[in-house]
Amino acid sequence: MIPRRRRFLGIAGATIAGSFLIPKFAHAQKKHRLTILQWNHFVPEFDRWFDQVFAKQWGDDNDTEVVIDRVGITSLNSRAQAEIQRGRGHDLFMFLRPPPTYEDFVIDHAEIYQELERYVGKPNEIGLKSTYNPVTKKYFGFSDSYVPDPINYRKDLWDDVGLFPDSWDNIREGGAAIYRKHNIPVGIGLAPELDSNMALRSLMHSFGASVHDEDGRIVLNSPETVEAVKFMKSLYRDAMTEEVFSWDPSSNNRMMLAGHGSLTFNAISITRTGESQKIPIADNILLAPAARGPVRRIGSMHLMHAYVIWKFARNIDGAQHFLVDYVRNFRDAFLASRFYNLPCFPATVPDIDALVAVDEAATPGNKYSVLSQADEWTTTIGYPGYANAVIDETFGDWVISDMFSAVARDRSTPEESVKIATKKADAIYSKWKAAGKV
């Protein structure tokens, strides 16, 4: 019997070489079946390409019926928990942030990384630190791409006050000036939801603060965290409104496209939606890299596309094979996402600088050129260490956004709020330390 590793690599290599070269007729009934769960992408063109072009062709080439189910962004974790409880579900399951808390229920994805390294080189640090546990030496997931979180800002408003929002100090000063003059606020979430927590981590990291250090030790209770919380309180007081406490993941999109915000942190879904729906104000919304803080210019990723293959998946070999072929054709995926999905394997899109330099749909045409250096200012939610189970649970329990919002609402002092958040993080750390995962 051929070991699964050799069988997987042999099949993958043979199929990859022939993929997309010879059109084939679909079988009435295919030999294999592969089921995939994904989110409803913010760029509809990507879903059409993934489902109707790539997955269809891959299925024809591999005599496999590919079934793709999609859910909303807020339903992923509940669906994953339901599949684990039943002990059955999709062969490939996609998350939008690193999923280390599910490590015991998934295969080791090392083979996929090893196979792709042979063909397209090593993954970047963002992908590696989002899917590998250095304590257990296991790849608990596989990342094909990440989504950066650039600053989305109204050029007319910021030009009017004579400031460029490339630093947190400028965001506070310029945002306050715009709010006083035009009654248009800054929109950075302080709610228990994904976008808020990514933006607030960016603020923390730029101030030199983090939940844990490189070795996974909790270091949240620090002077740097207190200063970041104080800064956000000042920014909220001078340039924001209370709606940010009840935001959902699309609130900042709606705010900017309705002309009700001067600045937010988001993926390029705001500008792409504005372009596709021909919303006039979209031409005036430009992009800037992550904001510079007192310590560094850095931004947390907006999303991390992380796949897992459950131990109970029915078609583990097919799922591995699919991911290898998908990443080897990632340039097409990058273009289909309209630059939304950036590669975790940089060599798959070698001409990325030229591609983002000019975009026919954008005004101005170089709007997306900022993405060419995204890997220089984007980091994982586990910065400066790995995105381990402690980071995942503190994220899912909204420990960081609760810490910031309590102070902005004058319900706690910065020092008290940081201590409360640290106590929660310490308890989470103790639980996962006892489980042998950190």
Protein backbone atom coordinates (compact mmCIF):
# COMPACT_ATOMS: atom_id res chain seq x y z
CA MET A 1 0.00 0.00 0.00
CA ILE A 2 1.41 3.39 -0.97
CA PRO A 3 1.74 5.75 2.05
CA ARG A 4 -0.69 8.61 1.84
CA ARG A 5 2.12 11.20 1.59
CA ARG A 6 3.58 9.60 -1.52
CA ARG A 7 0.18 8.97 -3.02
CA PHE A 8 -0.85 12.59 -2.35
CA LEU A 9 2.32 14.09 -3.79
CA GLY A 10 2.28 11.90 -6.85
CA ILE A 11 -1.33 12.64 -7.70
CA ALA A 12 -0.92 16.34 -6.98
CA GLY A 13 2.17 16.69 -9.12
CA ALA A 14 0.64 14.84 -12.05
CA THR A 15 -2.62 16.73 -11.92
CA ILE A 16 -1.07 20.15 -11.45
CA ALA A 17 1.01 19.70 -14.55
CA GLY A 18 -2.07 19.01 -16.62
CA SER A 19 -4.50 21.42 -15.00
CA PHE A 20 -6.20 23.99 -17.23
CA LEU A 21 -4.45 22.82 -20.40
CA ILE A 22 -7.01 20.50 -21.99
CA PRO A 23 -10.76 21.22 -21.74
CA LYS A 24 -12.75 18.26 -20.51
CA PHE A 25 -16.42 17.41 -20.56
CA ALA A 26 -18.13 17.14 -17.18
CA HIS A 27 -19.04 13.64 -16.11
CA ALA A 28 -22.67 12.84 -15.48
CA GLN A 29 -21.59 11.25 -12.20
CA LYS A 30 -18.10 11.80 -10.86
CA LYS A 31 -16.03 9.28 -8.96
CA HIS A 32 -15.14 11.50 -5.99
CA ARG A 33 -16.77 14.26 -3.93
CA LEU A 34 -15.15 17.24 -2.23
CA THR A 35 -17.12 19.57 0.03
CA ILE A 36 -15.94 23.09 0.90
CA LEU A 37 -17.35 25.72 3.23
CA GLN A 38 -16.39 29.36 2.58
CA TRP A 39 -17.65 32.81 3.47
CA ASN A 40 -19.56 35.10 1.16
CA HIS A 41 -16.68 37.13 -0.18
CA PHE A 42 -16.94 40.94 -0.10
CA VAL A 43 -15.97 40.88 -3.79
CA PRO A 44 -18.68 38.87 -5.59
CA GLU A 45 -16.46 38.43 -8.65
CA PHE A 46 -14.16 36.24 -6.58
CA ASP A 47 -16.92 33.83 -5.59
CA ARG A 48 -17.99 33.49 -9.22
CA TRP A 49 -14.43 32.75 -10.32
CA PHE A 50 -13.78 30.31 -7.46
CA ASP A 51 -17.04 28.38 -7.95
CA GLN A 52 -17.66 28.52 -11.67
CA VAL A 53 -14.12 28.61 -13.06
CA PHE A 54 -11.46 27.18 -10.77
CA ALA A 55 -13.48 24.63 -8.76
CA LYS A 56 -15.45 23.49 -11.80
CA GLN A 57 -12.32 22.95 -13.88
CA TRP A 58 -10.51 21.28 -11.00
CA GLY A 59 -13.45 18.95 -10.47
CA ASP A 60 -13.53 18.00 -14.14
CA ASP A 61 -9.78 17.38 -14.18
CA ASN A 62 -9.92 15.20 -11.08
CA ASP A 63 -13.21 13.35 -11.63
CA THR A 64 -14.56 15.05 -8.51
CA GLU A 65 -17.85 16.69 -7.71
CA VAL A 66 -16.92 19.89 -5.87
CA VAL A 67 -19.70 21.17 -3.62
CA ILE A 68 -19.24 24.68 -2.20
CA ASP A 69 -21.42 26.03 0.61
CA ARG A 70 -21.23 29.66 1.74
CA VAL A 71 -22.16 31.39 4.96
CA GLY A 72 -21.95 34.91 6.32
CA ILE A 73 -18.86 36.16 8.09
CA THR A 74 -20.37 35.88 11.59
CA SER A 75 -21.51 32.26 11.17
CA LEU A 76 -18.18 30.53 10.62
CA ASN A 77 -17.32 29.62 14.20
CA SER A 78 -20.78 28.35 15.08
CA ARG A 79 -20.78 26.18 11.95
CA ALA A 80 -17.34 24.82 12.84
CA GLN A 81 -18.47 23.92 16.36
CA ALA A 82 -21.55 22.19 14.98
CA GLU A 83 -19.47 20.07 12.60
CA ILE A 84 -17.09 19.09 15.40
CA GLN A 85 -19.98 18.07 17.66
CA ARG A 86 -21.46 15.90 14.90
CA GLY A 87 -18.09 14.47 13.89
CA ARG A 88 -18.85 15.10 10.25
CA GLY A 89 -18.93 18.06 7.93
CA HIS A 90 -17.03 19.68 5.08
CA ASP A 91 -13.71 18.36 3.80
CA LEU A 92 -12.32 21.91 3.64
CA PHE A 93 -13.45 24.54 6.12
CA MET A 94 -12.37 28.15 5.75
CA PHE A 95 -11.92 30.60 8.62
CA LEU A 96 -11.28 34.34 8.47
CA ARG A 97 -8.83 34.42 11.35
CA PRO A 98 -6.34 31.83 12.60
CA PRO A 99 -8.17 28.81 14.14
CA PRO A 100 -5.71 27.37 16.72
CA THR A 101 -8.46 26.50 19.21
CA TYR A 102 -9.52 23.69 16.87
CA GLU A 103 -6.06 22.09 16.73
CA ASP A 104 -7.13 18.76 18.22
CA PHE A 105 -9.84 18.28 15.57
CA VAL A 106 -7.75 18.86 12.42
CA ILE A 107 -5.00 17.07 10.57
CA ASP A 108 -1.44 18.33 10.51
CA HIS A 109 -1.30 20.50 7.37
CA ALA A 110 2.50 20.28 7.10
CA GLU A 111 2.34 18.19 3.91
CA ILE A 112 0.58 20.98 2.05
CA TYR A 113 3.22 23.52 3.03
CA GLN A 114 6.03 21.12 2.16
CA GLU A 115 4.56 20.33 -1.24
CA LEU A 116 4.02 23.97 -2.13
CA GLU A 117 7.51 24.93 -1.02
CA ARG A 118 8.82 22.59 -3.72
CA TYR A 119 6.89 24.47 -6.39
CA VAL A 120 6.44 28.08 -5.30
CA GLY A 121 8.82 28.68 -2.40
CA LYS A 122 8.24 29.41 1.25
CA PRO A 123 5.21 31.16 2.74
CA ASN A 124 5.56 34.59 4.25
CA GLU A 125 5.66 35.14 8.01
CA ILE A 126 2.00 36.21 8.09
CA GLY A 127 0.84 32.83 6.82
CA LEU A 128 3.31 30.82 8.87
CA LYS A 129 2.63 32.52 12.21
CA SER A 130 -1.11 32.23 11.63
CA THR A 131 -1.20 28.45 11.19
CA TYR A 132 1.72 26.89 13.10
CA ASN A 133 1.99 26.02 16.78
CA PRO A 134 5.67 26.05 17.80
CA VAL A 135 4.83 24.26 21.08
CA THR A 136 3.12 21.23 19.55
CA LYS A 137 5.04 21.51 16.24
CA LYS A 138 1.77 21.18 14.34
CA TYR A 139 0.32 23.13 11.43
CA PHE A 140 -3.27 23.49 12.63
CA GLY A 141 -4.37 25.15 9.38
CA PHE A 142 -3.27 26.38 6.00
CA SER A 143 -3.27 29.99 4.81
CA ASP A 144 -3.42 30.77 1.12
CA SER A 145 -3.90 34.52 1.52
CA TYR A 146 -4.40 37.43 3.87
CA VAL A 147 -6.25 40.73 3.68
CA PRO A 148 -4.43 43.89 4.84
CA ASP A 149 -6.12 46.71 6.73
CA PRO A 150 -5.10 50.01 5.13
CA ILE A 151 -6.46 53.39 6.14
CA ASN A 152 -9.48 54.44 4.07
CA TYR A 153 -9.81 58.23 4.14
CA ARG A 154 -11.71 61.07 2.47
CA LYS A 155 -9.09 63.03 0.52
CA ASP A 156 -11.19 66.19 0.25
CA LEU A 157 -11.70 66.44 4.00
CA TRP A 158 -8.10 65.74 4.91
CA ASP A 159 -6.80 68.14 2.27
CA ASP A 160 -9.10 70.76 3.74
CA VAL A 161 -7.37 70.56 7.14
CA GLY A 162 -3.91 70.19 5.60
CA LEU A 163 -2.97 66.85 7.14
CA PHE A 164 -2.21 63.40 5.77
CA PRO A 165 -3.52 60.56 8.00
CA ASP A 166 -0.38 58.44 8.00
CA SER A 167 0.20 58.57 11.77
CA TRP A 168 -1.98 58.20 14.84
CA ASP A 169 -1.12 61.73 15.93
CA ASN A 170 -2.26 63.09 12.56
CA ILE A 171 -5.43 61.00 12.72
CA ARG A 172 -6.30 62.51 16.10
CA GLU A 173 -5.42 66.09 15.14
CA GLY A 174 -6.90 66.01 11.65
CA GLY A 175 -9.93 63.93 12.64
CA ALA A 176 -10.80 66.40 15.39
CA ALA A 177 -10.40 69.37 13.02
CA ILE A 178 -12.66 67.75 10.42
CA TYR A 179 -15.26 66.89 13.04
CA ARG A 180 -15.33 70.47 14.34
CA LYS A 181 -15.50 72.00 10.87
CA HIS A 182 -17.70 69.53 8.96
CA ASN A 183 -19.36 67.44 11.70
CA ILE A 184 -18.03 64.30 10.02
CA PRO A 185 -16.37 61.88 12.49
CA VAL A 186 -13.57 59.35 12.38
CA GLY A 187 -14.94 55.79 12.29
CA ILE A 188 -12.82 53.30 14.24
CA GLY A 189 -14.91 50.64 15.93
CA LEU A 190 -15.02 50.08 19.68
CA ALA A 191 -17.47 47.20 19.45
CA PRO A 192 -17.31 43.42 20.07
CA GLU A 193 -16.77 42.58 16.41
CA LEU A 194 -14.00 41.69 14.00
CA ASP A 195 -13.13 45.05 12.39
CA SER A 196 -12.95 46.87 15.72
CA ASN A 197 -10.62 44.30 17.20
CA MET A 198 -8.26 44.33 14.23
CA ALA A 199 -8.00 48.14 14.25
CA LEU A 200 -7.47 48.30 18.01
CA ARG A 201 -4.68 45.74 17.80
CA SER A 202 -3.03 47.92 15.15
CA LEU A 203 -3.14 50.83 17.57
CA MET A 204 -1.67 48.72 20.38
CA HIS A 205 1.14 47.32 18.26
CA SER A 206 2.12 50.75 16.97
CA PHE A 207 2.45 51.90 20.59
CA GLY A 208 4.69 48.92 21.40
CA ALA A 209 1.95 46.98 23.21
CA SER A 210 0.69 43.44 22.64
CA VAL A 211 -1.28 40.67 24.31
CA HIS A 212 1.75 38.39 24.51
CA ASP A 213 5.45 38.42 23.64
CA GLU A 214 7.40 36.35 21.12
CA ASP A 215 7.40 33.36 23.48
CA GLY A 216 3.68 33.54 24.21
CA ARG A 217 3.90 35.06 27.69
CA ILE A 218 1.10 37.52 28.57
CA VAL A 219 2.47 41.08 28.59
CA LEU A 220 -0.77 43.04 28.20
CA ASN A 221 -0.42 44.93 31.49
CA SER A 222 2.22 47.41 30.36
CA PRO A 223 2.72 51.19 30.22
CA GLU A 224 2.49 50.94 26.42
CA THR A 225 -0.99 49.39 26.59
CA VAL A 226 -2.13 52.08 29.03
CA GLU A 227 -0.87 54.81 26.68
CA ALA A 228 -2.68 53.23 23.71
CA VAL A 229 -5.93 53.13 25.70
CA LYS A 230 -5.49 56.74 26.77
CA PHE A 231 -4.90 57.75 23.16
CA MET A 232 -8.09 56.07 21.99
CA LYS A 233 -10.09 57.79 24.71
CA SER A 234 -8.77 61.13 23.48
CA LEU A 235 -9.50 60.27 19.84
CA TYR A 236 -13.04 59.19 20.70
CA ARG A 237 -13.70 62.32 22.75
CA ASP A 238 -12.44 64.70 20.05
CA ALA A 239 -13.38 63.05 16.76
CA MET A 240 -15.83 60.15 17.10
CA THR A 241 -19.46 59.38 17.93
CA GLU A 242 -21.09 56.73 20.12
CA GLU A 243 -22.29 54.64 17.16
CA VAL A 244 -18.87 52.93 17.10
CA PHE A 245 -19.83 51.00 20.27
CA SER A 246 -22.53 49.05 18.42
CA TRP A 247 -20.88 48.45 15.04
CA ASP A 248 -20.97 45.23 13.02
CA PRO A 249 -18.32 44.21 10.44
CA SER A 250 -19.92 46.24 7.64
CA SER A 251 -20.73 49.41 9.60
CA ASN A 252 -17.55 51.20 8.57
CA ASN A 253 -18.24 50.34 4.93
CA ARG A 254 -21.68 51.88 5.13
CA MET A 255 -20.44 54.92 7.00
CA MET A 256 -17.76 55.82 4.46
CA LEU A 257 -19.85 55.16 1.35
CA ALA A 258 -22.72 57.23 2.75
CA GLY A 259 -20.33 60.15 3.20
CA HIS A 260 -20.68 60.09 6.98
CA GLY A 261 -17.07 59.32 7.90
CA SER A 262 -13.69 60.95 7.37
CA LEU A 263 -11.55 57.87 7.98
CA THR A 264 -11.66 54.21 8.95
CA PHE A 265 -9.48 51.11 8.92
CA ASN A 266 -10.73 48.48 6.50
CA ALA A 267 -9.91 46.19 3.63
CA ILE A 268 -10.45 47.50 0.11
CA SER A 269 -14.07 46.37 0.22
CA ILE A 270 -15.15 49.99 0.73
CA THR A 271 -13.56 51.31 -2.44
CA ARG A 272 -14.35 48.22 -4.50
CA THR A 273 -18.02 48.36 -3.47
CA GLY A 274 -18.12 52.05 -4.33
CA GLU A 275 -16.63 51.37 -7.75
CA SER A 276 -18.92 48.47 -8.61
CA GLN A 277 -22.03 50.35 -7.45
CA LYS A 278 -20.85 53.61 -9.02
CA ILE A 279 -21.14 55.58 -5.80
CA PRO A 280 -19.62 59.00 -6.60
CA ILE A 281 -17.95 59.51 -3.24
CA ALA A 282 -15.84 56.38 -3.73
CA ASP A 283 -13.51 58.25 -6.10
CA ASN A 284 -12.64 60.54 -3.20
CA ILE A 285 -11.84 57.69 -0.77
CA LEU A 286 -8.12 56.92 -0.95
CA LEU A 287 -5.89 54.40 0.81
CA ALA A 288 -2.88 54.84 3.07
CA PRO A 289 -0.65 52.27 4.79
CA ALA A 290 -1.03 51.37 8.44
CA ALA A 291 -0.64 54.33 10.76
CA ARG A 292 2.68 55.13 12.39
CA GLY A 293 2.67 55.18 16.18
CA PRO A 294 5.24 56.21 18.78
CA VAL A 295 7.13 52.94 18.29
CA ARG A 296 6.48 51.70 14.75
CA ARG A 297 4.26 51.74 11.67
CA ILE A 298 2.30 48.51 11.81
CA GLY A 299 -1.18 47.20 11.18
CA SER A 300 -2.96 44.02 12.07
CA MET A 301 -4.28 42.05 9.13
CA HIS A 302 -7.94 42.62 8.37
CA LEU A 303 -8.66 38.96 7.60
CA MET A 304 -6.65 35.76 7.35
CA HIS A 305 -7.99 33.14 4.96
CA ALA A 306 -7.21 29.96 6.86
CA TYR A 307 -8.38 26.52 5.74
CA VAL A 308 -8.58 23.46 7.96
CA ILE A 309 -9.11 19.82 7.06
CA TRP A 310 -10.97 18.01 9.83
CA LYS A 311 -9.68 14.66 11.02
CA PHE A 312 -13.15 13.31 10.27
CA ALA A 313 -13.21 14.69 6.69
CA ARG A 314 -14.19 12.06 4.14
CA ASN A 315 -11.83 13.25 1.40
CA ILE A 316 -8.60 14.34 3.11
CA ASP A 317 -6.42 13.54 0.09
CA GLY A 318 -8.68 15.49 -2.25
CA ALA A 319 -8.74 18.47 0.11
CA GLN A 320 -4.93 18.56 0.27
CA HIS A 321 -4.68 18.22 -3.48
CA PHE A 322 -7.21 21.00 -4.05
CA LEU A 323 -5.29 23.46 -1.87
CA VAL A 324 -2.00 22.74 -3.60
CA ASP A 325 -3.53 23.30 -7.04
CA TYR A 326 -5.36 26.39 -5.83
CA VAL A 327 -2.24 28.10 -4.52
CA ARG A 328 -0.24 27.17 -7.60
CA ASN A 329 -2.83 29.12 -9.58
CA PHE A 330 -3.07 31.93 -7.06
CA ARG A 331 -2.29 34.74 -9.48
CA ASP A 332 -5.72 34.11 -11.03
CA ALA A 333 -7.28 34.16 -7.55
CA PHE A 334 -5.57 37.47 -6.75
CA LEU A 335 -6.94 39.05 -9.91
CA ALA A 336 -10.41 37.57 -9.38
CA SER A 337 -10.48 39.06 -5.87
CA ARG A 338 -9.62 42.44 -7.40
CA PHE A 339 -6.51 42.66 -5.17
CA TYR A 340 -8.48 41.80 -2.01
CA ASN A 341 -6.71 38.47 -1.32
CA LEU A 342 -2.95 38.96 -1.03
CA PRO A 343 -0.74 35.87 -1.39
CA CYS A 344 0.82 34.10 1.57
CA PHE A 345 3.18 32.54 -0.97
CA PRO A 346 4.65 35.69 -2.58
CA ALA A 347 6.20 33.89 -5.54
CA THR A 348 2.74 32.99 -6.87
CA VAL A 349 2.16 36.64 -7.83
CA PRO A 350 5.64 37.79 -8.88
CA ASP A 351 4.34 40.85 -10.73
CA ILE A 352 2.15 42.16 -7.91
CA ASP A 353 3.81 45.60 -7.95
CA ALA A 354 2.95 46.12 -11.60
CA LEU A 355 -0.58 44.76 -11.21
CA VAL A 356 -1.55 47.13 -8.38
CA ALA A 357 0.25 50.15 -9.88
CA VAL A 358 -2.61 50.98 -12.24
CA ASP A 359 -6.22 49.82 -12.03
CA GLU A 360 -8.75 50.73 -14.71
CA ALA A 361 -11.69 50.69 -12.30
CA ALA A 362 -10.06 53.03 -9.79
CA THR A 363 -9.96 56.81 -9.57
CA PRO A 364 -7.16 57.72 -9.34
CA GLY A 365 -5.69 54.82 -11.25
CA ASN A 366 -2.89 54.24 -8.74
CA LYS A 367 -5.25 53.99 -5.75
CA TYR A 368 -4.24 50.41 -4.94
CA SER A 369 -0.47 50.83 -5.32
CA VAL A 370 -0.24 51.03 -1.52
CA LEU A 371 -0.84 47.27 -1.46
CA SER A 372 2.52 46.52 -3.05
CA GLN A 373 4.21 47.08 0.34
CA ALA A 374 1.42 45.63 2.47
CA ASP A 375 3.59 42.78 3.75
CA GLU A 376 5.99 45.37 5.21
CA TRP A 377 3.38 46.91 7.53
CA THR A 378 0.90 44.07 8.04
CA THR A 379 1.24 41.55 10.84
CA THR A 380 -0.76 38.76 12.46
CA ILE A 381 -3.13 39.08 15.40
CA GLY A 382 -0.53 37.21 17.46
CA TYR A 383 2.18 39.82 16.97
CA PRO A 384 5.03 39.59 17.88
CA GLY A 385 4.54 35.87 18.42
CA TYR A 386 2.33 33.20 16.88
CA ALA A 387 -1.45 33.31 16.65
CA ASN A 388 -1.98 30.66 19.30
CA ALA A 389 -5.11 29.53 21.14
CA VAL A 390 -4.74 32.28 23.75
CA ILE A 391 -4.75 34.94 21.06
CA ASP A 392 -7.74 33.31 19.35
CA GLU A 393 -9.79 33.15 22.54
CA THR A 394 -8.94 36.67 23.67
CA PHE A 395 -10.03 37.78 20.22
CA GLY A 396 -13.26 35.80 20.22
CA ASP A 397 -14.15 36.96 23.74
CA TRP A 398 -13.55 40.59 22.69
CA VAL A 399 -11.11 41.20 25.54
CA ILE A 400 -9.31 44.01 23.70
CA SER A 401 -12.34 45.93 22.44
CA ASP A 402 -13.96 45.70 25.87
CA MET A 403 -10.78 47.12 27.39
CA PHE A 404 -10.80 50.13 25.07
CA SER A 405 -14.54 50.78 25.11
CA ALA A 406 -14.78 50.79 28.91
CA VAL A 407 -12.31 53.66 29.07
CA ALA A 408 -13.80 55.59 26.14
CA ARG A 409 -17.17 55.44 27.90
CA ASP A 410 -15.67 56.60 31.22
CA ARG A 411 -16.65 53.35 32.89
CA SER A 412 -13.09 52.61 33.97
CA THR A 413 -9.70 54.26 34.18
CA PRO A 414 -7.08 53.15 31.65
CA GLU A 415 -5.04 51.42 34.34
CA GLU A 416 -8.06 49.58 35.77
CA SER A 417 -9.30 48.48 32.37
CA VAL A 418 -5.90 47.13 31.35
CA LYS A 419 -5.66 45.17 34.62
CA ILE A 420 -9.11 43.65 34.08
CA ALA A 421 -8.22 42.64 30.52
CA THR A 422 -4.93 41.17 31.70
CA LYS A 423 -6.70 39.09 34.34
CA LYS A 424 -8.95 37.66 31.61
CA ALA A 425 -5.95 36.96 29.36
CA ASP A 426 -4.06 35.28 32.22
CA ALA A 427 -7.00 32.96 32.89
CA ILE A 428 -7.20 32.02 29.21
CA TYR A 429 -3.44 31.42 29.13
CA SER A 430 -3.63 29.11 32.17
CA LYS A 431 -6.32 27.03 30.52
CA TRP A 432 -4.38 26.51 27.30
CA LYS A 433 -1.10 26.01 29.16
CA ALA A 434 -2.71 23.15 31.06
CA ALA A 435 -3.89 21.72 27.72
CA GLY A 436 -0.30 21.76 26.42
CA LYS A 437 -1.01 24.18 23.59
CA VAL A 438 1.10 27.15 24.80
